[in-house]
């Protein structure tokens, strides 16, 4: 059976999520800002057309934003995560196997499909738009790398109506001529510069490069990319989500933090987030790492440090992680500094099912702890995140991120569900 892959990519995903719940935002320039409303991390085609630049500081583009009435939103990752789940569940209806590649991308396995692939892609696209409100582009090809190339063409060429199938195209070589080598999936900036020095500037030239040259300069991984460009799949579809071995929770503060009590609250908050991530993938962690750092871009004394705390037994119980995180903070906190950021990482992650009893057959209260966490997670899942939380996380989080333009959690909080008047 001949392999066929479809790459489904959400268009300007974060900005599109904001447009879904406010029809007035459609066809208007919309941008989303990074943590603390710093830089532009998402923009619609309309925002791009008026000159808004990606990854540039917000304050440097304010004049342009005001001139063109650009709609500005703080990043609402709770909303974006839930909308991503809705898109992915919709896509699962269209293929027997699927790999969720990122929050806004997924590969579908269309091997064995009989019919017009481009037309099927348009059906997928219209269904996702109708069921979720999110616009997507779809690239189809005999390998994952060519599906990526096709997706790029689908985004650029309006005549394709958001879907492009590069499979068996007689003009495939001409199409690859238009793709810069640095835009190929798996070719980073360093390899792009190397290839340019050897006269390789586009995807077609890389496809036709001798295997010996590619292996010598780009290793076996580079040869796999070239083989894929030739239409021979060698990067398999990974339809199993692997558990992460390290989980990190960190944020930059909305203002410089000096007080130890504020740092304790922040570290407790990040430990709580890490524990939620562990339970989500049914894992436990043995090590808790804590770090703090000042702002290296500001004048004044600088300091950064980290500490690692081992736990007696692997755990995902929030109080256990908070306690360990506070122990780590005790070791590294130094008064007199303006802290800009703190974070908590957990490692030595193992499946929850493998927890070992002690020499006396006791589980260290694991059964009770799991029951408490299940009840807490159930309440928060139903009523909205942090409806139930630990006092150590604080109630007046003045150190929190700046999010002056934050939209509502339309899909995850009962109190913020959109109201429709007819």
Protein backbone atom coordinates (compact mmCIF):
# COMPACT_ATOMS: atom_id res chain seq x y z
CA UNK A 1 0.00 0.00 0.00
CA UNK A 2 1.48 3.30 -1.06
CA UNK A 3 2.00 5.76 1.80
CA UNK A 4 0.18 9.11 1.57
CA UNK A 5 0.48 11.80 4.23
CA UNK A 6 -1.61 14.91 4.84
CA UNK A 7 -0.26 17.74 6.99
CA UNK A 8 -3.04 19.84 8.49
CA UNK A 9 -1.82 23.19 9.81
CA UNK A 10 -4.03 25.75 11.54
CA UNK A 11 -3.68 29.23 10.03
CA UNK A 12 -2.42 31.90 12.46
CA UNK A 13 -3.72 29.61 15.18
CA UNK A 14 -3.62 31.81 18.28
CA UNK A 15 -5.09 34.78 16.41
CA UNK A 16 -7.72 32.55 14.77
CA UNK A 17 -8.84 31.32 18.20
CA UNK A 18 -9.48 34.93 19.21
CA UNK A 19 -11.50 35.56 16.04
CA UNK A 20 -13.74 32.55 16.55
CA UNK A 21 -15.58 34.07 19.51
CA UNK A 22 -15.94 37.60 18.16
CA UNK A 23 -17.34 37.85 14.62
CA UNK A 24 -16.29 41.51 14.54
CA UNK A 25 -12.67 40.35 14.45
CA UNK A 26 -13.07 38.51 11.14
CA UNK A 27 -11.23 40.04 8.20
CA UNK A 28 -9.58 42.52 10.58
CA UNK A 29 -5.90 42.62 11.59
CA UNK A 30 -5.43 40.65 14.82
CA UNK A 31 -2.25 39.91 16.78
CA UNK A 32 -1.43 37.94 19.92
CA UNK A 33 1.35 38.92 22.31
CA UNK A 34 3.82 36.76 24.22
CA UNK A 35 4.07 36.43 28.01
CA UNK A 36 3.87 39.81 29.76
CA UNK A 37 2.53 41.34 26.52
CA UNK A 38 6.07 41.50 25.17
CA UNK A 39 6.40 40.50 21.51
CA UNK A 40 4.08 39.52 18.67
CA UNK A 41 3.78 35.71 18.50
CA UNK A 42 0.80 35.38 16.15
CA UNK A 43 -0.76 37.57 13.46
CA UNK A 44 -3.48 37.18 10.90
CA UNK A 45 -2.89 37.73 7.18
CA UNK A 46 -4.51 41.16 7.55
CA UNK A 47 -2.02 42.12 10.28
CA UNK A 48 0.84 40.89 8.14
CA UNK A 49 -0.46 42.97 5.21
CA UNK A 50 -0.31 46.24 7.19
CA UNK A 51 3.31 45.58 8.18
CA UNK A 52 3.10 44.03 11.67
CA UNK A 53 6.30 42.06 12.21
CA UNK A 54 6.57 38.71 13.93
CA UNK A 55 8.64 38.41 17.14
CA UNK A 56 9.12 42.19 17.32
CA UNK A 57 8.43 44.04 20.61
CA UNK A 58 4.90 45.35 20.93
CA UNK A 59 5.95 48.84 22.00
CA UNK A 60 8.01 49.29 18.83
CA UNK A 61 4.93 48.69 16.67
CA UNK A 62 2.31 50.62 18.66
CA UNK A 63 2.15 53.47 16.16
CA UNK A 64 1.44 51.05 13.31
CA UNK A 65 -1.08 49.16 15.44
CA UNK A 66 -3.02 52.34 16.25
CA UNK A 67 -2.90 53.56 12.66
CA UNK A 68 -4.48 50.38 11.27
CA UNK A 69 -6.76 49.61 14.24
CA UNK A 70 -5.06 46.29 14.86
CA UNK A 71 -6.84 44.19 17.50
CA UNK A 72 -4.39 43.13 20.22
CA UNK A 73 -4.76 40.17 22.61
CA UNK A 74 -2.66 38.78 25.43
CA UNK A 75 -1.80 35.10 25.01
CA UNK A 76 -4.64 32.94 26.36
CA UNK A 77 -3.01 29.51 26.41
CA UNK A 78 -5.91 27.89 28.25
CA UNK A 79 -8.21 28.79 25.36
CA UNK A 80 -5.68 27.81 22.70
CA UNK A 81 -5.00 24.42 24.29
CA UNK A 82 -8.69 23.56 24.43
CA UNK A 83 -9.30 24.73 20.86
CA UNK A 84 -6.35 22.61 19.73
CA UNK A 85 -7.92 19.55 21.35
CA UNK A 86 -11.17 20.25 19.49
CA UNK A 87 -9.38 20.55 16.15
CA UNK A 88 -7.44 17.32 16.73
CA UNK A 89 -10.55 15.38 17.74
CA UNK A 90 -12.23 16.57 14.55
CA UNK A 91 -9.28 15.44 12.44
CA UNK A 92 -9.40 11.94 13.96
CA UNK A 93 -12.66 11.38 12.07
CA UNK A 94 -10.83 11.44 8.74
CA UNK A 95 -7.93 8.99 9.08
CA UNK A 96 -7.24 5.67 10.83
CA UNK A 97 -3.92 7.00 12.17
CA UNK A 98 -2.82 10.49 13.14
CA UNK A 99 0.26 12.14 14.65
CA UNK A 100 -0.29 15.33 16.63
CA UNK A 101 2.89 17.17 15.68
CA UNK A 102 2.32 20.41 17.60
CA UNK A 103 -0.49 22.47 19.12
CA UNK A 104 -1.61 23.53 15.62
CA UNK A 105 -0.31 20.78 13.31
CA UNK A 106 -1.10 17.12 12.69
CA UNK A 107 -0.13 14.47 10.15
CA UNK A 108 -2.88 12.17 8.85
CA UNK A 109 -2.25 8.74 7.32
CA UNK A 110 -4.24 8.58 4.07
CA UNK A 111 -2.62 5.39 2.73
CA UNK A 112 -5.14 3.31 0.83
CA UNK A 113 -7.50 6.22 0.20
CA UNK A 114 -9.24 5.95 -3.16
CA UNK A 115 -10.54 9.07 -4.76
CA UNK A 116 -9.56 12.68 -5.27
CA UNK A 117 -7.13 13.48 -2.45
CA UNK A 118 -7.41 17.26 -2.93
CA UNK A 119 -11.19 17.07 -2.77
CA UNK A 120 -10.98 14.96 0.38
CA UNK A 121 -8.64 17.57 1.83
CA UNK A 122 -11.18 20.29 1.12
CA UNK A 123 -13.82 18.22 2.91
CA UNK A 124 -11.53 17.97 5.95
CA UNK A 125 -10.85 21.69 5.80
CA UNK A 126 -14.51 22.69 5.60
CA UNK A 127 -15.46 20.31 8.42
CA UNK A 128 -12.80 21.66 10.76
CA UNK A 129 -13.93 25.21 9.98
CA UNK A 130 -17.58 24.37 10.53
CA UNK A 131 -17.08 22.38 13.74
CA UNK A 132 -14.42 24.55 15.41
CA UNK A 133 -14.27 27.87 13.52
CA UNK A 134 -10.52 27.42 12.88
CA UNK A 135 -9.20 27.82 9.30
CA UNK A 136 -6.59 25.26 8.23
CA UNK A 137 -4.30 24.60 5.29
CA UNK A 138 -3.63 21.04 4.10
CA UNK A 139 -0.66 19.68 2.20
CA UNK A 140 -0.74 16.14 0.78
CA UNK A 141 2.23 14.11 -0.42
CA UNK A 142 3.90 10.68 -0.53
CA UNK A 143 6.22 11.59 2.37
CA UNK A 144 5.94 13.79 5.45
CA UNK A 145 8.54 16.22 4.07
CA UNK A 146 6.68 16.59 0.77
CA UNK A 147 3.41 17.02 2.67
CA UNK A 148 5.11 19.91 4.49
CA UNK A 149 6.17 21.39 1.14
CA UNK A 150 2.63 20.98 -0.21
CA UNK A 151 1.23 22.69 2.88
CA UNK A 152 3.49 25.67 2.26
CA UNK A 153 2.17 25.92 -1.30
CA UNK A 154 -1.42 25.62 -0.04
CA UNK A 155 -0.85 28.60 2.25
CA UNK A 156 0.83 30.77 -0.37
CA UNK A 157 -1.36 30.09 -3.43
CA UNK A 158 -4.93 31.37 -2.99
CA UNK A 159 -6.06 29.44 -6.09
CA UNK A 160 -5.55 26.16 -4.21
CA UNK A 161 -8.32 27.06 -1.70
CA UNK A 162 -6.20 25.95 1.22
CA UNK A 163 -5.39 22.44 -0.06
CA UNK A 164 -2.56 21.23 -2.29
CA UNK A 165 -1.68 17.68 -3.34
CA UNK A 166 1.87 17.25 -4.63
CA UNK A 167 1.50 13.50 -5.20
CA UNK A 168 2.32 12.45 -8.79
CA UNK A 169 2.58 16.05 -9.98
CA UNK A 170 4.43 16.21 -13.32
CA UNK A 171 5.63 19.70 -12.40
CA UNK A 172 6.96 18.66 -8.97
CA UNK A 173 10.47 19.77 -9.89
CA UNK A 174 9.27 23.26 -10.82
CA UNK A 175 7.32 23.48 -7.57
CA UNK A 176 10.40 22.55 -5.55
CA UNK A 177 12.33 25.26 -7.39
CA UNK A 178 10.16 27.81 -5.56
CA UNK A 179 10.92 26.46 -2.07
CA UNK A 180 14.04 27.94 -0.50
CA UNK A 181 16.29 25.31 1.04
CA UNK A 182 16.01 27.00 4.44
CA UNK A 183 12.23 26.53 4.38
CA UNK A 184 12.44 22.74 4.11
CA UNK A 185 11.33 20.78 7.16
CA UNK A 186 14.42 19.64 9.04
CA UNK A 187 16.84 22.09 7.41
CA UNK A 188 17.90 24.64 9.97
CA UNK A 189 19.68 27.95 9.52
CA UNK A 190 23.13 26.39 9.88
CA UNK A 191 22.52 23.76 7.20
CA UNK A 192 20.91 26.35 4.93
CA UNK A 193 24.07 28.48 5.04
CA UNK A 194 26.23 25.42 4.39
CA UNK A 195 24.13 24.37 1.39
CA UNK A 196 24.12 27.90 -0.02
CA UNK A 197 27.92 27.89 0.09
CA UNK A 198 27.82 24.77 -2.10
CA UNK A 199 25.38 26.30 -4.61
CA UNK A 200 22.21 24.66 -3.27
CA UNK A 201 19.49 27.26 -2.80
CA UNK A 202 16.16 25.47 -3.30
CA UNK A 203 14.43 22.18 -2.60
CA UNK A 204 14.91 20.81 -6.11
CA UNK A 205 18.66 21.32 -5.96
CA UNK A 206 18.79 19.57 -2.60
CA UNK A 207 16.63 16.71 -3.87
CA UNK A 208 19.04 16.14 -6.76
CA UNK A 209 22.22 16.44 -4.67
CA UNK A 210 24.46 13.32 -4.60
CA UNK A 211 23.92 11.02 -1.63
CA UNK A 212 27.64 11.04 -0.82
CA UNK A 213 27.67 14.84 -0.53
CA UNK A 214 24.56 14.89 1.66
CA UNK A 215 25.80 12.16 3.99
CA UNK A 216 29.19 13.82 4.30
CA UNK A 217 27.85 17.29 5.15
CA UNK A 218 24.43 16.58 6.76
CA UNK A 219 24.79 13.07 8.26
CA UNK A 220 22.22 10.32 7.90
CA UNK A 221 19.42 12.60 9.14
CA UNK A 222 20.01 14.97 6.23
CA UNK A 223 19.96 12.06 3.82
CA UNK A 224 16.56 11.05 5.17
CA UNK A 225 15.23 14.52 4.36
CA UNK A 226 16.63 14.31 0.81
CA UNK A 227 15.16 10.83 0.35
CA UNK A 228 11.78 12.16 1.45
CA UNK A 229 12.04 15.00 -1.09
CA UNK A 230 12.40 12.28 -3.74
CA UNK A 231 9.06 10.86 -2.67
CA UNK A 232 10.40 7.91 -0.69
CA UNK A 233 9.02 8.01 2.86
CA UNK A 234 11.51 7.21 5.61
CA UNK A 235 10.13 9.30 8.50
CA UNK A 236 7.35 7.24 9.98
CA UNK A 237 4.06 8.45 11.37
CA UNK A 238 4.29 8.48 15.14
CA UNK A 239 0.74 7.92 16.34
CA UNK A 240 1.78 7.28 19.94
CA UNK A 241 2.20 10.29 22.22
CA UNK A 242 5.33 9.62 24.26
CA UNK A 243 5.43 10.75 27.86
CA UNK A 244 7.85 13.59 28.53
CA UNK A 245 10.83 12.75 30.73
CA UNK A 246 11.25 16.34 31.94
CA UNK A 247 8.44 18.81 32.58
CA UNK A 248 9.00 22.55 33.04
CA UNK A 249 6.78 25.33 34.35
CA UNK A 250 8.17 28.87 34.41
CA UNK A 251 7.18 32.44 33.65
CA UNK A 252 8.69 35.88 33.61
CA UNK A 253 7.14 38.10 36.28
CA UNK A 254 4.95 41.04 35.40
CA UNK A 255 7.16 43.24 37.61
CA UNK A 256 10.53 42.81 39.35
CA UNK A 257 10.13 40.65 42.47
CA UNK A 258 12.19 41.30 45.64
CA UNK A 259 10.15 39.77 48.43
CA UNK A 260 10.77 36.16 49.35
CA UNK A 261 7.05 35.62 49.99
CA UNK A 262 6.27 36.51 46.37
CA UNK A 263 8.90 34.06 45.12
CA UNK A 264 7.47 31.36 47.37
CA UNK A 265 4.02 31.89 45.85
CA UNK A 266 5.39 31.81 42.31
CA UNK A 267 7.40 28.65 42.91
CA UNK A 268 4.35 26.99 44.50
CA UNK A 269 2.27 27.96 41.47
CA UNK A 270 4.80 26.46 39.05
CA UNK A 271 5.13 23.30 41.15
CA UNK A 272 1.34 22.95 41.02
CA UNK A 273 1.40 23.29 37.23
CA UNK A 274 4.15 20.67 36.98
CA UNK A 275 2.17 18.25 39.13
CA UNK A 276 -0.90 18.71 36.90
CA UNK A 277 1.20 17.88 33.84
CA UNK A 278 2.51 14.75 35.56
CA UNK A 279 -0.98 13.53 36.42
CA UNK A 280 -2.17 14.28 32.90
CA UNK A 281 0.34 11.81 31.48
CA UNK A 282 -0.07 9.46 34.48
CA UNK A 283 3.50 9.89 35.64
CA UNK A 284 5.45 10.55 38.82
CA UNK A 285 8.69 12.49 39.34
CA UNK A 286 11.59 11.90 41.72
CA UNK A 287 13.53 15.14 41.31
CA UNK A 288 12.38 18.77 41.57
CA UNK A 289 14.62 21.52 40.17
CA UNK A 290 14.08 25.19 41.07
CA UNK A 291 15.72 28.21 39.47
CA UNK A 292 15.59 31.99 39.88
CA UNK A 293 17.21 34.73 37.81
CA UNK A 294 17.36 38.50 37.51
CA UNK A 295 16.91 40.48 34.29
CA UNK A 296 20.23 40.54 32.43
CA UNK A 297 18.92 43.31 30.17
CA UNK A 298 18.52 45.75 33.05
CA UNK A 299 21.13 47.65 35.01
CA UNK A 300 21.82 46.58 38.56
CA UNK A 301 23.23 43.56 40.39
CA UNK A 302 22.72 40.24 38.63
CA UNK A 303 22.13 36.79 40.09
CA UNK A 304 20.93 33.40 38.91
CA UNK A 305 21.00 30.00 40.54
CA UNK A 306 19.25 26.65 40.71
CA UNK A 307 18.82 23.80 43.16
CA UNK A 308 17.77 20.16 42.88
CA UNK A 309 15.72 18.39 45.55
CA UNK A 310 15.15 14.63 45.62
CA UNK A 311 11.92 13.17 46.97
CA UNK A 312 11.75 10.01 49.07
CA UNK A 313 9.27 8.47 46.62
CA UNK A 314 8.25 9.49 43.09
CA UNK A 315 5.15 11.67 43.29
CA UNK A 316 2.66 13.83 41.40
CA UNK A 317 0.96 14.97 44.62
CA UNK A 318 0.92 18.76 44.52
CA UNK A 319 1.87 19.34 48.21
CA UNK A 320 4.88 17.03 47.78
CA UNK A 321 6.15 19.05 44.82
CA UNK A 322 5.44 22.40 46.50
CA UNK A 323 7.33 21.28 49.60
CA UNK A 324 10.34 20.17 47.53
CA UNK A 325 10.25 23.37 45.45
CA UNK A 326 10.27 25.51 48.61
CA UNK A 327 13.24 23.52 49.94
CA UNK A 328 15.07 24.29 46.71
CA UNK A 329 14.18 27.98 46.98
CA UNK A 330 15.54 28.04 50.54
CA UNK A 331 18.95 27.07 49.18
CA UNK A 332 19.19 29.63 46.40
CA UNK A 333 17.24 32.72 47.51
CA UNK A 334 19.39 35.77 48.09
CA UNK A 335 17.89 39.06 49.34
CA UNK A 336 18.54 42.38 47.63
CA UNK A 337 17.96 41.31 44.02
CA UNK A 338 15.20 42.20 41.56
CA UNK A 339 14.13 38.79 40.29
CA UNK A 340 12.69 38.63 36.79
CA UNK A 341 11.91 34.93 36.46
CA UNK A 342 11.57 31.69 38.38
CA UNK A 343 10.70 28.17 37.38
CA UNK A 344 10.22 24.57 38.44
CA UNK A 345 11.25 21.50 36.47
CA UNK A 346 10.63 17.87 37.40
CA UNK A 347 12.73 14.96 36.17
CA UNK A 348 13.38 11.27 36.75
CA UNK A 349 9.82 10.79 35.49
CA UNK A 350 8.35 7.28 35.67
CA UNK A 351 4.90 5.79 34.91
CA UNK A 352 2.54 6.06 37.87
CA UNK A 353 1.78 2.33 37.63
CA UNK A 354 5.38 1.42 38.52
CA UNK A 355 5.46 3.00 41.99
CA UNK A 356 7.22 0.68 44.42
CA UNK A 357 6.18 -0.12 47.97
CA UNK A 358 8.64 0.26 50.83
CA UNK A 359 10.16 -2.69 52.72
CA UNK A 360 7.04 -2.99 54.88
CA UNK A 361 4.63 -3.02 51.95
CA UNK A 362 3.45 0.54 52.54
CA UNK A 363 2.80 2.92 49.66
CA UNK A 364 3.61 6.13 51.52
CA UNK A 365 0.00 7.27 51.35
CA UNK A 366 0.02 7.15 47.53
CA UNK A 367 -3.53 5.74 47.35
CA UNK A 368 -4.96 8.52 49.51
CA UNK A 369 -2.95 11.19 47.68
CA UNK A 370 -4.21 9.98 44.31
CA UNK A 371 -7.80 10.14 45.55
CA UNK A 372 -7.32 13.72 46.74
CA UNK A 373 -5.74 14.77 43.42
CA UNK A 374 -8.49 13.07 41.38
CA UNK A 375 -11.14 14.96 43.33
CA UNK A 376 -9.28 18.27 42.98
CA UNK A 377 -8.65 17.77 39.25
CA UNK A 378 -12.28 16.83 38.68
CA UNK A 379 -13.54 20.02 40.34
CA UNK A 380 -11.12 22.19 38.38
CA UNK A 381 -11.93 20.42 35.11
CA UNK A 382 -15.64 21.05 35.66
CA UNK A 383 -15.60 24.51 37.22
CA UNK A 384 -12.51 26.09 35.68
CA UNK A 385 -8.81 25.97 36.41
CA UNK A 386 -7.67 26.88 39.94
CA UNK A 387 -11.16 26.94 41.39
CA UNK A 388 -9.51 24.77 44.04
CA UNK A 389 -5.87 25.51 44.77
CA UNK A 390 -3.34 25.45 47.61
CA UNK A 391 -2.90 28.51 49.83
CA UNK A 392 0.85 28.45 49.18
CA UNK A 393 0.08 29.60 45.61
CA UNK A 394 -1.27 32.88 46.98
CA UNK A 395 -4.46 34.78 46.30
CA UNK A 396 -3.12 38.21 45.35
CA UNK A 397 -0.55 37.37 42.69
CA UNK A 398 0.88 40.82 42.09
CA UNK A 399 3.97 39.14 40.61
CA UNK A 400 1.88 37.50 37.88
CA UNK A 401 2.28 38.11 34.18
CA UNK A 402 1.01 41.28 32.55
CA UNK A 403 -2.05 40.28 30.54
CA UNK A 404 -3.94 43.51 30.04
CA UNK A 405 -5.64 42.29 26.86
CA UNK A 406 -6.62 38.79 27.94
CA UNK A 407 -9.76 37.36 26.35
CA UNK A 408 -12.16 35.08 28.20
CA UNK A 409 -11.80 31.34 28.63
CA UNK A 410 -14.84 30.76 26.45
CA UNK A 411 -14.62 26.96 26.36
CA UNK A 412 -13.23 25.97 29.76
CA UNK A 413 -15.01 28.17 32.34
CA UNK A 414 -18.75 27.99 32.97
CA UNK A 415 -18.82 31.64 33.99
CA UNK A 416 -17.25 32.75 30.69
CA UNK A 417 -19.25 30.79 28.14
CA UNK A 418 -20.30 33.11 25.27
CA UNK A 419 -23.83 34.45 25.40
CA UNK A 420 -25.77 34.47 22.11
CA UNK A 421 -28.70 36.83 21.77
CA UNK A 422 -31.22 36.20 18.99
